[in-house]
Amino acid sequence: MRVTPVCATLKSTTEDAPLNVRSAACRDATKVGEQQSGTTVERLSIVDGTAVDGTTVWQEVRQGSLRGFATGADLACP
């Protein structure tokens, strides 16, 4: 059995734009907030959503009072 490590926190890897946090795991979902590039967020769960940059992995995240979903394409373990 192969086990993939899961980080409790994730870091935004967006270059010149903020990380968009949405109400659902879909690029068309309402944007509930954003985080600056390099910001660390708490991972709450991993969900399947619409494809972004070749991945359907979305993360449910929280940072302070902001809670929502961000594409896994823009997040990495710190």
C-alpha atoms as a PDB file:
ATOM      1  CA  MET A   1       0.000   0.000   0.000  1.00  0.00           C
ATOM      2  CA  ARG A   2       1.313   3.444  -0.914  1.00  0.00           C
ATOM      3  CA  VAL A   3       0.487   6.331   1.394  1.00  0.00           C
ATOM      4  CA  THR A   4       0.690   9.914   0.219  1.00  0.00           C
ATOM      5  CA  PRO A   5       1.518  12.397   2.993  1.00  0.00           C
ATOM      6  CA  VAL A   6      -1.087  15.054   3.625  1.00  0.00           C
ATOM      7  CA  CYS A   7      -0.059  18.432   4.983  1.00  0.00           C
ATOM      8  CA  ALA A   8      -2.229  20.064   7.630  1.00  0.00           C
ATOM      9  CA  THR A   9      -1.359  23.443   6.137  1.00  0.00           C
ATOM     10  CA  LEU A  10      -0.896  24.549   2.546  1.00  0.00           C
ATOM     11  CA  LYS A  11       0.855  27.502   0.945  1.00  0.00           C
ATOM     12  CA  SER A  12      -0.514  29.523  -1.956  1.00  0.00           C
ATOM     13  CA  THR A  13       1.703  29.169  -5.017  1.00  0.00           C
ATOM     14  CA  THR A  14       0.042  31.794  -7.202  1.00  0.00           C
ATOM     15  CA  GLU A  15       2.666  34.052  -8.773  1.00  0.00           C
ATOM     16  CA  ASP A  16       1.224  37.449  -9.653  1.00  0.00           C
ATOM     17  CA  ALA A  17      -2.358  37.033  -8.491  1.00  0.00           C
ATOM     18  CA  PRO A  18      -4.115  36.279  -5.217  1.00  0.00           C
ATOM     19  CA  LEU A  19      -5.438  32.815  -4.357  1.00  0.00           C
ATOM     20  CA  ASN A  20      -9.198  32.825  -4.954  1.00  0.00           C
ATOM     21  CA  VAL A  21     -11.286  31.108  -2.268  1.00  0.00           C
ATOM     22  CA  ARG A  22     -14.712  30.009  -3.510  1.00  0.00           C
ATOM     23  CA  SER A  23     -18.007  28.797  -2.041  1.00  0.00           C
ATOM     24  CA  ALA A  24     -17.745  25.432  -3.847  1.00  0.00           C
ATOM     25  CA  ALA A  25     -15.098  23.345  -5.661  1.00  0.00           C
ATOM     26  CA  CYS A  26     -15.745  25.023  -8.995  1.00  0.00           C
ATOM     27  CA  ARG A  27     -14.127  27.945 -10.798  1.00  0.00           C
ATOM     28  CA  ASP A  28     -17.623  29.353 -11.488  1.00  0.00           C
ATOM     29  CA  ALA A  29     -18.622  29.301  -7.787  1.00  0.00           C
ATOM     30  CA  THR A  30     -18.948  32.586  -5.912  1.00  0.00           C
ATOM     31  CA  LYS A  31     -15.621  34.021  -4.741  1.00  0.00           C
ATOM     32  CA  VAL A  32     -15.858  34.381  -0.951  1.00  0.00           C
ATOM     33  CA  GLY A  33     -12.401  35.892  -0.527  1.00  0.00           C
ATOM     34  CA  GLU A  34      -8.774  35.809  -1.562  1.00  0.00           C
ATOM     35  CA  GLN A  35      -5.339  35.338  -0.040  1.00  0.00           C
ATOM     36  CA  GLN A  36      -2.013  36.859  -1.045  1.00  0.00           C
ATOM     37  CA  SER A  37       0.511  34.650  -2.825  1.00  0.00           C
ATOM     38  CA  GLY A  38       2.621  32.774  -0.272  1.00  0.00           C
ATOM     39  CA  THR A  39      -0.097  32.813   2.405  1.00  0.00           C
ATOM     40  CA  THR A  40      -0.424  29.652   4.510  1.00  0.00           C
ATOM     41  CA  VAL A  41      -3.932  28.239   4.969  1.00  0.00           C
ATOM     42  CA  GLU A  42      -5.301  25.354   7.038  1.00  0.00           C
ATOM     43  CA  ARG A  43      -6.461  22.330   5.020  1.00  0.00           C
ATOM     44  CA  LEU A  44      -9.875  21.050   6.144  1.00  0.00           C
ATOM     45  CA  SER A  45     -10.534  18.449   3.438  1.00  0.00           C
ATOM     46  CA  ILE A  46      -9.676  17.331  -0.083  1.00  0.00           C
ATOM     47  CA  VAL A  47     -12.530  17.215  -2.603  1.00  0.00           C
ATOM     48  CA  ASP A  48     -13.052  16.495  -6.290  1.00  0.00           C
ATOM     49  CA  GLY A  49     -14.198  19.470  -8.338  1.00  0.00           C
ATOM     50  CA  THR A  50     -13.982  21.000 -11.789  1.00  0.00           C
ATOM     51  CA  ALA A  51     -10.652  20.723 -13.586  1.00  0.00           C
ATOM     52  CA  VAL A  52      -8.200  23.618 -13.338  1.00  0.00           C
ATOM     53  CA  ASP A  53      -4.774  23.387 -14.984  1.00  0.00           C
ATOM     54  CA  GLY A  54      -5.144  19.618 -15.406  1.00  0.00           C
ATOM     55  CA  THR A  55      -6.252  18.711 -11.877  1.00  0.00           C
ATOM     56  CA  THR A  56      -9.705  18.134 -10.365  1.00  0.00           C
ATOM     57  CA  VAL A  57      -8.341  18.259  -6.801  1.00  0.00           C
ATOM     58  CA  TRP A  58      -9.701  21.098  -4.707  1.00  0.00           C
ATOM     59  CA  GLN A  59      -8.888  21.873  -1.082  1.00  0.00           C
ATOM     60  CA  GLU A  60     -11.351  23.063   1.520  1.00  0.00           C
ATOM     61  CA  VAL A  61      -9.312  25.680   3.387  1.00  0.00           C
ATOM     62  CA  ARG A  62      -9.556  28.133   6.248  1.00  0.00           C
ATOM     63  CA  GLN A  63      -7.495  31.164   7.186  1.00  0.00           C
ATOM     64  CA  GLY A  64      -8.906  33.205  10.038  1.00  0.00           C
ATOM     65  CA  SER A  65     -12.623  33.714   9.411  1.00  0.00           C
ATOM     66  CA  LEU A  66     -12.274  32.955   5.676  1.00  0.00           C
ATOM     67  CA  ARG A  67     -13.404  29.438   4.761  1.00  0.00           C
ATOM     68  CA  GLY A  68     -14.011  27.932   1.332  1.00  0.00           C
ATOM     69  CA  PHE A  69     -12.476  26.001  -1.550  1.00  0.00           C
ATOM     70  CA  ALA A  70      -9.340  26.625  -3.610  1.00  0.00           C
ATOM     71  CA  THR A  71      -7.983  24.646  -6.528  1.00  0.00           C
ATOM     72  CA  GLY A  72      -5.156  22.271  -5.723  1.00  0.00           C
ATOM     73  CA  ALA A  73      -3.336  23.687  -8.756  1.00  0.00           C
ATOM     74  CA  ASP A  74      -2.548  26.801  -6.680  1.00  0.00           C
ATOM     75  CA  LEU A  75      -1.587  25.142  -3.368  1.00  0.00           C
ATOM     76  CA  ALA A  76       1.354  23.073  -2.109  1.00  0.00           C
ATOM     77  CA  CYS A  77       2.750  21.742   1.156  1.00  0.00           C
ATOM     78  CA  PRO A  78       4.965  24.431   2.701  1.00  0.00           C
END
